[in-house]
C-alpha atoms as a PDB file:
ATOM      1  CA  UNK A   1      11.418  14.433  -5.257  1.00  0.00           C
ATOM      2  CA  UNK A   2       8.127  12.526  -5.133  1.00  0.00           C
ATOM      3  CA  UNK A   3       8.203   8.758  -4.585  1.00  0.00           C
ATOM      4  CA  UNK A   4       5.316   6.499  -5.569  1.00  0.00           C
ATOM      5  CA  UNK A   5       5.080   3.257  -3.573  1.00  0.00           C
ATOM      6  CA  UNK A   6       2.617   0.422  -4.210  1.00  0.00           C
ATOM      7  CA  UNK A   7       1.742  -2.047  -1.475  1.00  0.00           C
ATOM      8  CA  UNK A   8       1.056  -5.309  -3.289  1.00  0.00           C
ATOM      9  CA  UNK A   9       0.587  -9.030  -2.863  1.00  0.00           C
ATOM     10  CA  UNK A  10      -2.068 -10.962  -4.777  1.00  0.00           C
ATOM     11  CA  UNK A  11      -2.646 -13.117  -1.704  1.00  0.00           C
ATOM     12  CA  UNK A  12      -5.422 -11.713   0.462  1.00  0.00           C
ATOM     13  CA  UNK A  13      -5.262 -11.207   4.213  1.00  0.00           C
ATOM     14  CA  UNK A  14      -1.556 -10.375   4.386  1.00  0.00           C
ATOM     15  CA  UNK A  15      -1.843  -6.875   5.849  1.00  0.00           C
ATOM     16  CA  UNK A  16      -1.748  -4.853   2.620  1.00  0.00           C
ATOM     17  CA  UNK A  17      -4.345  -2.296   3.655  1.00  0.00           C
ATOM     18  CA  UNK A  18      -3.029  -2.162   7.220  1.00  0.00           C
ATOM     19  CA  UNK A  19       0.426  -1.419   5.833  1.00  0.00           C
ATOM     20  CA  UNK A  20      -0.731   1.163   3.279  1.00  0.00           C
ATOM     21  CA  UNK A  21      -2.829   3.104   5.814  1.00  0.00           C
ATOM     22  CA  UNK A  22      -0.397   3.011   8.709  1.00  0.00           C
ATOM     23  CA  UNK A  23       2.740   3.614   6.667  1.00  0.00           C
ATOM     24  CA  UNK A  24       1.085   6.601   4.958  1.00  0.00           C
ATOM     25  CA  UNK A  25      -0.023   8.036   8.305  1.00  0.00           C
ATOM     26  CA  UNK A  26       3.380   7.435   9.904  1.00  0.00           C
ATOM     27  CA  UNK A  27       5.190   9.188   7.047  1.00  0.00           C
ATOM     28  CA  UNK A  28       2.656  12.045   7.139  1.00  0.00           C
ATOM     29  CA  UNK A  29       3.235  12.787  10.829  1.00  0.00           C
ATOM     30  CA  UNK A  30       6.922  13.199   9.976  1.00  0.00           C
ATOM     31  CA  UNK A  31       5.973  16.416   8.160  1.00  0.00           C
ATOM     32  CA  UNK A  32       5.806  14.870   4.703  1.00  0.00           C
ATOM     33  CA  UNK A  33       2.870  15.472   2.372  1.00  0.00           C
ATOM     34  CA  UNK A  34       1.342  12.087   1.513  1.00  0.00           C
ATOM     35  CA  UNK A  35      -1.392  11.011  -0.903  1.00  0.00           C
ATOM     36  CA  UNK A  36      -2.881   7.590  -0.144  1.00  0.00           C
ATOM     37  CA  UNK A  37      -4.698   5.977  -3.087  1.00  0.00           C
ATOM     38  CA  UNK A  38      -7.241   3.251  -2.414  1.00  0.00           C
ATOM     39  CA  UNK A  39      -7.096   1.096  -5.543  1.00  0.00           C
ATOM     40  CA  UNK A  40      -8.949  -1.859  -4.000  1.00  0.00           C
ATOM     41  CA  UNK A  41     -12.687  -2.150  -4.843  1.00  0.00           C
ATOM     42  CA  UNK A  42     -13.300  -3.383  -1.278  1.00  0.00           C
ATOM     43  CA  UNK A  43     -12.486   0.212  -0.190  1.00  0.00           C
ATOM     44  CA  UNK A  44     -11.048  -0.901   3.167  1.00  0.00           C
ATOM     45  CA  UNK A  45      -8.370   1.795   3.049  1.00  0.00           C
ATOM     46  CA  UNK A  46     -11.096   4.399   2.599  1.00  0.00           C
ATOM     47  CA  UNK A  47     -13.163   3.154   5.554  1.00  0.00           C
ATOM     48  CA  UNK A  48     -10.016   2.731   7.664  1.00  0.00           C
ATOM     49  CA  UNK A  49      -9.654   6.519   7.531  1.00  0.00           C
ATOM     50  CA  UNK A  50     -13.273   7.117   8.530  1.00  0.00           C
ATOM     51  CA  UNK A  51     -14.881   7.656   5.098  1.00  0.00           C
ATOM     52  CA  UNK A  52     -17.969   5.764   3.964  1.00  0.00           C
ATOM     53  CA  UNK A  53     -19.996   5.699   0.722  1.00  0.00           C
ATOM     54  CA  UNK A  54     -22.291   8.503   1.875  1.00  0.00           C
ATOM     55  CA  UNK A  55     -19.298  10.782   2.561  1.00  0.00           C
ATOM     56  CA  UNK A  56     -18.144  11.138  -1.057  1.00  0.00           C
ATOM     57  CA  UNK A  57     -19.657  10.957  -4.522  1.00  0.00           C
ATOM     58  CA  UNK A  58     -16.633  10.350  -6.744  1.00  0.00           C
ATOM     59  CA  UNK A  59     -13.699   7.988  -6.398  1.00  0.00           C
ATOM     60  CA  UNK A  60     -10.767   6.401  -8.217  1.00  0.00           C
ATOM     61  CA  UNK A  61     -13.104   4.705 -10.714  1.00  0.00           C
ATOM     62  CA  UNK A  62     -14.239   8.098 -12.045  1.00  0.00           C
ATOM     63  CA  UNK A  63     -10.596   9.177 -12.388  1.00  0.00           C
ATOM     64  CA  UNK A  64      -9.617   6.060 -14.344  1.00  0.00           C
ATOM     65  CA  UNK A  65     -12.535   6.323 -16.793  1.00  0.00           C
ATOM     66  CA  UNK A  66     -11.796  10.029 -17.303  1.00  0.00           C
ATOM     67  CA  UNK A  67     -15.007  11.577 -15.961  1.00  0.00           C
ATOM     68  CA  UNK A  68     -13.183  13.323 -13.093  1.00  0.00           C
ATOM     69  CA  UNK A  69      -9.624  14.550 -12.614  1.00  0.00           C
ATOM     70  CA  UNK A  70      -7.699  13.099  -9.703  1.00  0.00           C
ATOM     71  CA  UNK A  71      -7.677  16.540  -8.060  1.00  0.00           C
ATOM     72  CA  UNK A  72     -11.484  16.526  -7.922  1.00  0.00           C
ATOM     73  CA  UNK A  73     -11.809  13.333  -5.878  1.00  0.00           C
ATOM     74  CA  UNK A  74      -9.129  13.918  -3.214  1.00  0.00           C
ATOM     75  CA  UNK A  75     -10.392  13.897   0.386  1.00  0.00           C
ATOM     76  CA  UNK A  76      -8.621  15.587   3.307  1.00  0.00           C
ATOM     77  CA  UNK A  77      -8.126  13.337   6.333  1.00  0.00           C
ATOM     78  CA  UNK A  78      -7.835  14.239   9.997  1.00  0.00           C
ATOM     79  CA  UNK A  79      -4.045  14.255   9.580  1.00  0.00           C
ATOM     80  CA  UNK A  80      -3.332  17.603   7.838  1.00  0.00           C
ATOM     81  CA  UNK A  81      -0.493  16.210   5.699  1.00  0.00           C
ATOM     82  CA  UNK A  82      -2.380  13.076   4.594  1.00  0.00           C
ATOM     83  CA  UNK A  83      -4.880  13.093   1.704  1.00  0.00           C
ATOM     84  CA  UNK A  84      -6.903  10.218   0.268  1.00  0.00           C
ATOM     85  CA  UNK A  85      -8.192   9.159  -3.129  1.00  0.00           C
ATOM     86  CA  UNK A  86     -11.142   6.931  -2.135  1.00  0.00           C
ATOM     87  CA  UNK A  87     -12.374   3.726  -3.729  1.00  0.00           C
ATOM     88  CA  UNK A  88     -15.739   2.073  -4.240  1.00  0.00           C
ATOM     89  CA  UNK A  89     -17.065  -1.350  -5.253  1.00  0.00           C
ATOM     90  CA  UNK A  90     -17.730   0.097  -8.734  1.00  0.00           C
ATOM     91  CA  UNK A  91     -13.992  -0.204  -9.382  1.00  0.00           C
ATOM     92  CA  UNK A  92     -14.502  -3.924 -10.094  1.00  0.00           C
ATOM     93  CA  UNK A  93     -15.890  -2.918 -13.499  1.00  0.00           C
ATOM     94  CA  UNK A  94     -12.750  -1.105 -14.618  1.00  0.00           C
ATOM     95  CA  UNK A  95     -11.406  -4.077 -16.583  1.00  0.00           C
ATOM     96  CA  UNK A  96     -14.413  -3.883 -18.917  1.00  0.00           C
ATOM     97  CA  UNK A  97     -13.945  -0.113 -19.305  1.00  0.00           C
ATOM     98  CA  UNK A  98     -10.307  -0.658 -20.292  1.00  0.00           C
ATOM     99  CA  UNK A  99     -11.010  -3.336 -22.933  1.00  0.00           C
ATOM    100  CA  UNK A 100     -10.519  -1.108 -25.964  1.00  0.00           C
ATOM    101  CA  UNK A 101      -7.749   1.104 -24.567  1.00  0.00           C
ATOM    102  CA  UNK A 102      -4.198   1.165 -25.841  1.00  0.00           C
ATOM    103  CA  UNK A 103      -1.603   1.238 -23.049  1.00  0.00           C
ATOM    104  CA  UNK A 104      -4.303   0.344 -20.535  1.00  0.00           C
ATOM    105  CA  UNK A 105      -1.547  -0.536 -18.052  1.00  0.00           C
ATOM    106  CA  UNK A 106      -0.473   3.125 -17.941  1.00  0.00           C
ATOM    107  CA  UNK A 107      -3.781   4.910 -17.271  1.00  0.00           C
ATOM    108  CA  UNK A 108      -3.084   5.564 -13.570  1.00  0.00           C
ATOM    109  CA  UNK A 109       0.435   6.779 -14.343  1.00  0.00           C
ATOM    110  CA  UNK A 110      -0.976   9.385 -16.727  1.00  0.00           C
ATOM    111  CA  UNK A 111      -3.628  10.490 -14.228  1.00  0.00           C
ATOM    112  CA  UNK A 112      -1.030  11.015 -11.485  1.00  0.00           C
ATOM    113  CA  UNK A 113       0.792  13.493 -13.716  1.00  0.00           C
ATOM    114  CA  UNK A 114      -2.286  15.757 -13.461  1.00  0.00           C
ATOM    115  CA  UNK A 115      -1.931  16.254  -9.690  1.00  0.00           C
ATOM    116  CA  UNK A 116      -1.799  19.937  -8.755  1.00  0.00           C
ATOM    117  CA  UNK A 117      -0.621  19.384  -5.167  1.00  0.00           C
ATOM    118  CA  UNK A 118       3.026  18.759  -4.372  1.00  0.00           C
ATOM    119  CA  UNK A 119       3.245  15.446  -2.533  1.00  0.00           C
ATOM    120  CA  UNK A 120       6.402  13.908  -1.115  1.00  0.00           C
ATOM    121  CA  UNK A 121       4.974  10.386  -1.248  1.00  0.00           C
ATOM    122  CA  UNK A 122       2.116   8.632  -2.990  1.00  0.00           C
ATOM    123  CA  UNK A 123       1.178   5.253  -1.507  1.00  0.00           C
ATOM    124  CA  UNK A 124      -1.154   2.919  -3.413  1.00  0.00           C
ATOM    125  CA  UNK A 125      -3.113   0.105  -1.778  1.00  0.00           C
ATOM    126  CA  UNK A 126      -3.794  -2.591  -4.388  1.00  0.00           C
ATOM    127  CA  UNK A 127      -6.399  -5.376  -4.612  1.00  0.00           C
ATOM    128  CA  UNK A 128      -5.511  -9.018  -3.826  1.00  0.00           C
ATOM    129  CA  UNK A 129      -5.167  -9.946  -7.518  1.00  0.00           C
ATOM    130  CA  UNK A 130      -2.668  -9.420 -10.323  1.00  0.00           C
ATOM    131  CA  UNK A 131      -5.354  -7.841 -12.520  1.00  0.00           C
ATOM    132  CA  UNK A 132      -5.333  -4.576 -14.438  1.00  0.00           C
ATOM    133  CA  UNK A 133      -5.646  -2.370 -11.330  1.00  0.00           C
ATOM    134  CA  UNK A 134      -2.556  -3.860  -9.675  1.00  0.00           C
ATOM    135  CA  UNK A 135      -0.656  -3.714 -12.978  1.00  0.00           C
ATOM    136  CA  UNK A 136      -1.605  -0.020 -13.286  1.00  0.00           C
ATOM    137  CA  UNK A 137      -0.375   0.658  -9.752  1.00  0.00           C
ATOM    138  CA  UNK A 138       2.940  -1.124 -10.335  1.00  0.00           C
ATOM    139  CA  UNK A 139       3.405   0.575 -13.714  1.00  0.00           C
ATOM    140  CA  UNK A 140       2.967   3.978 -12.030  1.00  0.00           C
ATOM    141  CA  UNK A 141       5.250   3.244  -9.056  1.00  0.00           C
ATOM    142  CA  UNK A 142       8.892   3.761  -8.274  1.00  0.00           C
ATOM    143  CA  UNK A 143       8.872   0.871  -5.829  1.00  0.00           C
ATOM    144  CA  UNK A 144       6.738  -1.829  -4.237  1.00  0.00           C
ATOM    145  CA  UNK A 145       6.389  -3.049  -0.655  1.00  0.00           C
ATOM    146  CA  UNK A 146       5.318  -6.684  -0.386  1.00  0.00           C
ATOM    147  CA  UNK A 147       3.665  -7.618   2.929  1.00  0.00           C
ATOM    148  CA  UNK A 148       4.003 -11.337   3.738  1.00  0.00           C
ATOM    149  CA  UNK A 149       2.129 -12.774   6.704  1.00  0.00           C
ATOM    150  CA  UNK A 150       4.103 -15.066   9.007  1.00  0.00           C
ATOM    151  CA  UNK A 151       1.561 -17.860   8.707  1.00  0.00           C
ATOM    152  CA  UNK A 152       1.070 -21.102   6.791  1.00  0.00           C
ATOM    153  CA  UNK A 153       1.309 -20.742   2.965  1.00  0.00           C
ATOM    154  CA  UNK A 154       2.983 -17.342   3.464  1.00  0.00           C
ATOM    155  CA  UNK A 155       5.185 -17.626   0.381  1.00  0.00           C
ATOM    156  CA  UNK A 156       2.450 -19.108  -1.817  1.00  0.00           C
ATOM    157  CA  UNK A 157       1.995 -17.002  -4.946  1.00  0.00           C
ATOM    158  CA  UNK A 158       4.916 -14.717  -4.142  1.00  0.00           C
ATOM    159  CA  UNK A 159       6.901 -16.095  -7.077  1.00  0.00           C
ATOM    160  CA  UNK A 160       4.143 -15.032  -9.474  1.00  0.00           C
ATOM    161  CA  UNK A 161       4.219 -11.475  -8.123  1.00  0.00           C
ATOM    162  CA  UNK A 162       8.013 -11.326  -8.444  1.00  0.00           C
ATOM    163  CA  UNK A 163       7.751 -12.573 -12.047  1.00  0.00           C
ATOM    164  CA  UNK A 164       5.149  -9.880 -12.784  1.00  0.00           C
ATOM    165  CA  UNK A 165       7.489  -7.234 -11.364  1.00  0.00           C
ATOM    166  CA  UNK A 166      10.320  -8.527 -13.577  1.00  0.00           C
ATOM    167  CA  UNK A 167       8.056  -8.450 -16.636  1.00  0.00           C
ATOM    168  CA  UNK A 168       6.947  -4.871 -15.926  1.00  0.00           C
ATOM    169  CA  UNK A 169      10.580  -3.811 -15.563  1.00  0.00           C
ATOM    170  CA  UNK A 170      11.231  -5.125 -19.065  1.00  0.00           C
ATOM    171  CA  UNK A 171       8.108  -3.601 -20.611  1.00  0.00           C
ATOM    172  CA  UNK A 172       6.189  -0.785 -18.906  1.00  0.00           C
ATOM    173  CA  UNK A 173       8.288   0.407 -15.956  1.00  0.00           C
ATOM    174  CA  UNK A 174      12.066  -0.146 -16.017  1.00  0.00           C
ATOM    175  CA  UNK A 175      12.585   1.890 -12.805  1.00  0.00           C
ATOM    176  CA  UNK A 176      10.318  -0.320 -10.638  1.00  0.00           C
ATOM    177  CA  UNK A 177      12.190  -1.799  -7.699  1.00  0.00           C
ATOM    178  CA  UNK A 178      11.304  -3.850  -4.652  1.00  0.00           C
ATOM    179  CA  UNK A 179      11.323  -1.448  -1.723  1.00  0.00           C
ATOM    180  CA  UNK A 180      11.141  -4.332   0.696  1.00  0.00           C
ATOM    181  CA  UNK A 181       9.518  -7.558   1.822  1.00  0.00           C
ATOM    182  CA  UNK A 182       7.619  -6.871   5.062  1.00  0.00           C
ATOM    183  CA  UNK A 183       6.741  -9.739   7.427  1.00  0.00           C
ATOM    184  CA  UNK A 184       3.356  -9.085   9.068  1.00  0.00           C
ATOM    185  CA  UNK A 185       1.082 -10.604  11.739  1.00  0.00           C
ATOM    186  CA  UNK A 186       4.059 -11.960  13.657  1.00  0.00           C
ATOM    187  CA  UNK A 187       3.492 -13.646  17.024  1.00  0.00           C
ATOM    188  CA  UNK A 188       6.787 -14.321  18.778  1.00  0.00           C
ATOM    189  CA  UNK A 189       5.214 -16.925  21.078  1.00  0.00           C
ATOM    190  CA  UNK A 190       3.976 -18.941  18.094  1.00  0.00           C
ATOM    191  CA  UNK A 191       6.394 -21.555  16.742  1.00  0.00           C
ATOM    192  CA  UNK A 192       4.858 -21.500  13.244  1.00  0.00           C
ATOM    193  CA  UNK A 193       5.216 -17.715  13.132  1.00  0.00           C
ATOM    194  CA  UNK A 194       8.882 -18.034  14.112  1.00  0.00           C
ATOM    195  CA  UNK A 195       9.538 -20.720  11.496  1.00  0.00           C
ATOM    196  CA  UNK A 196       7.865 -18.747   8.701  1.00  0.00           C
ATOM    197  CA  UNK A 197       9.802 -15.599   9.652  1.00  0.00           C
ATOM    198  CA  UNK A 198      12.989 -17.686   9.533  1.00  0.00           C
ATOM    199  CA  UNK A 199      12.053 -18.885   6.024  1.00  0.00           C
ATOM    200  CA  UNK A 200      11.275 -15.333   4.825  1.00  0.00           C
ATOM    201  CA  UNK A 201      14.638 -14.092   6.127  1.00  0.00           C
ATOM    202  CA  UNK A 202      16.414 -17.083   4.546  1.00  0.00           C
ATOM    203  CA  UNK A 203      14.961 -16.387   1.080  1.00  0.00           C
ATOM    204  CA  UNK A 204      14.635 -12.598   1.085  1.00  0.00           C
ATOM    205  CA  UNK A 205      17.234 -11.256   3.520  1.00  0.00           C
ATOM    206  CA  UNK A 206      18.590  -8.735   0.994  1.00  0.00           C
ATOM    207  CA  UNK A 207      15.113  -7.384   0.235  1.00  0.00           C
ATOM    208  CA  UNK A 208      13.915  -6.822   3.803  1.00  0.00           C
ATOM    209  CA  UNK A 209      13.673  -3.622   5.829  1.00  0.00           C
ATOM    210  CA  UNK A 210      16.396  -3.309   8.463  1.00  0.00           C
ATOM    211  CA  UNK A 211      17.291  -0.938  11.262  1.00  0.00           C
ATOM    212  CA  UNK A 212      20.281  -1.321  13.576  1.00  0.00           C
ATOM    213  CA  UNK A 213      20.953  -4.732  12.015  1.00  0.00           C
ATOM    214  CA  UNK A 214      17.460  -5.951  12.951  1.00  0.00           C
ATOM    215  CA  UNK A 215      14.739  -6.836  10.477  1.00  0.00           C
ATOM    216  CA  UNK A 216      11.527  -4.812  10.731  1.00  0.00           C
ATOM    217  CA  UNK A 217       8.577  -7.085  11.463  1.00  0.00           C
ATOM    218  CA  UNK A 218       4.953  -6.044  12.028  1.00  0.00           C
ATOM    219  CA  UNK A 219       3.500  -7.830  15.078  1.00  0.00           C
ATOM    220  CA  UNK A 220       0.015  -9.224  15.437  1.00  0.00           C
ATOM    221  CA  UNK A 221      -1.518  -6.536  17.639  1.00  0.00           C
ATOM    222  CA  UNK A 222      -5.038  -6.001  19.002  1.00  0.00           C
ATOM    223  CA  UNK A 223      -4.854  -2.192  18.772  1.00  0.00           C
ATOM    224  CA  UNK A 224      -3.693  -2.434  15.159  1.00  0.00           C
ATOM    225  CA  UNK A 225      -6.696  -4.638  14.371  1.00  0.00           C
ATOM    226  CA  UNK A 226      -9.129  -2.368  16.255  1.00  0.00           C
ATOM    227  CA  UNK A 227      -8.052   0.963  14.747  1.00  0.00           C
ATOM    228  CA  UNK A 228      -9.866   0.640  11.355  1.00  0.00           C
ATOM    229  CA  UNK A 229     -13.239   0.159  13.083  1.00  0.00           C
ATOM    230  CA  UNK A 230     -12.734   3.613  14.614  1.00  0.00           C
ATOM    231  CA  UNK A 231     -11.818   5.101  11.224  1.00  0.00           C
ATOM    232  CA  UNK A 232      -8.262   6.000  12.131  1.00  0.00           C
ATOM    233  CA  UNK A 233      -4.690   4.755  11.676  1.00  0.00           C
ATOM    234  CA  UNK A 234      -3.162   3.056  14.688  1.00  0.00           C
ATOM    235  CA  UNK A 235      -0.819   5.990  15.298  1.00  0.00           C
ATOM    236  CA  UNK A 236      -3.910   8.129  16.020  1.00  0.00           C
ATOM    237  CA  UNK A 237      -5.743   5.366  17.884  1.00  0.00           C
ATOM    238  CA  UNK A 238      -2.945   4.186  20.205  1.00  0.00           C
ATOM    239  CA  UNK A 239       0.473   5.659  19.521  1.00  0.00           C
ATOM    240  CA  UNK A 240       2.115   3.494  22.217  1.00  0.00           C
ATOM    241  CA  UNK A 241       0.890   0.169  20.849  1.00  0.00           C
ATOM    242  CA  UNK A 242       3.393  -2.272  19.357  1.00  0.00           C
ATOM    243  CA  UNK A 243       1.689  -1.924  15.954  1.00  0.00           C
ATOM    244  CA  UNK A 244       2.063   1.855  15.939  1.00  0.00           C
ATOM    245  CA  UNK A 245       5.695   1.615  17.021  1.00  0.00           C
ATOM    246  CA  UNK A 246       6.471  -0.905  14.256  1.00  0.00           C
ATOM    247  CA  UNK A 247       4.943   1.224  11.486  1.00  0.00           C
ATOM    248  CA  UNK A 248       6.607   4.367  12.798  1.00  0.00           C
ATOM    249  CA  UNK A 249       9.936   2.523  12.676  1.00  0.00           C
ATOM    250  CA  UNK A 250       9.217   1.419   9.106  1.00  0.00           C
ATOM    251  CA  UNK A 251       8.359   4.999   8.093  1.00  0.00           C
ATOM    252  CA  UNK A 252      11.501   6.412   9.687  1.00  0.00           C
ATOM    253  CA  UNK A 253      13.652   3.757   8.007  1.00  0.00           C
ATOM    254  CA  UNK A 254      12.179   4.621   4.599  1.00  0.00           C
ATOM    255  CA  UNK A 255      12.626   8.346   5.204  1.00  0.00           C
ATOM    256  CA  UNK A 256      16.202   7.862   6.409  1.00  0.00           C
ATOM    257  CA  UNK A 257      17.113   5.701   3.408  1.00  0.00           C
ATOM    258  CA  UNK A 258      15.680   8.344   1.068  1.00  0.00           C
ATOM    259  CA  UNK A 259      17.798  11.189   2.425  1.00  0.00           C
END
């Protein structure tokens, strides 16, 4: 059965795109068919997989306004089991397009029902806001992964996101659950990083990803940071790097828990 997962946090710079791209790729190499949706107007997910504006004409914006079906904008990536719905800066205008719509929070959900390919997972990268695009992604999802960087002000704004999730459960999407809180950008030699990780575990222990009684944490890693500039996920760029290993572990944990 298909699972739709949003990666969300209205705070920028927390590793949302890094998580969406590398989790999608790591699940895909485990012989699962994955559709990655770039719902961020910055289109960093799209460029992280080697696609640029000149490579495609239509994107998620055209799907949401109804001028193209979602099947018409899907791009095949270099990983055979991973497809992409690209984004573009034009997506910033979607709020204006949705002004007159009823149930504007459910547009993406309706569009996903038109897919004519059988995917095992759909992963949605969201913008760093709690605007209509993020609300659409959460309304269409079964679950949400919340990346939290292990740096100063890490938990700032997290309460607002959790309140939004609660509200959507009561109104638009009663099945929405928190898949997990994911600490990112962790440096074990940094005392602040250690303290913030301790605080995250203290507050969200029951909502974190675990394997063998250890919490899954994404390290700060040079290869992980370099990979997008080469247009590939870290698992294709350097499979032995600590970043690749961490995301592969996350993917396997999710797959195992879904059996």
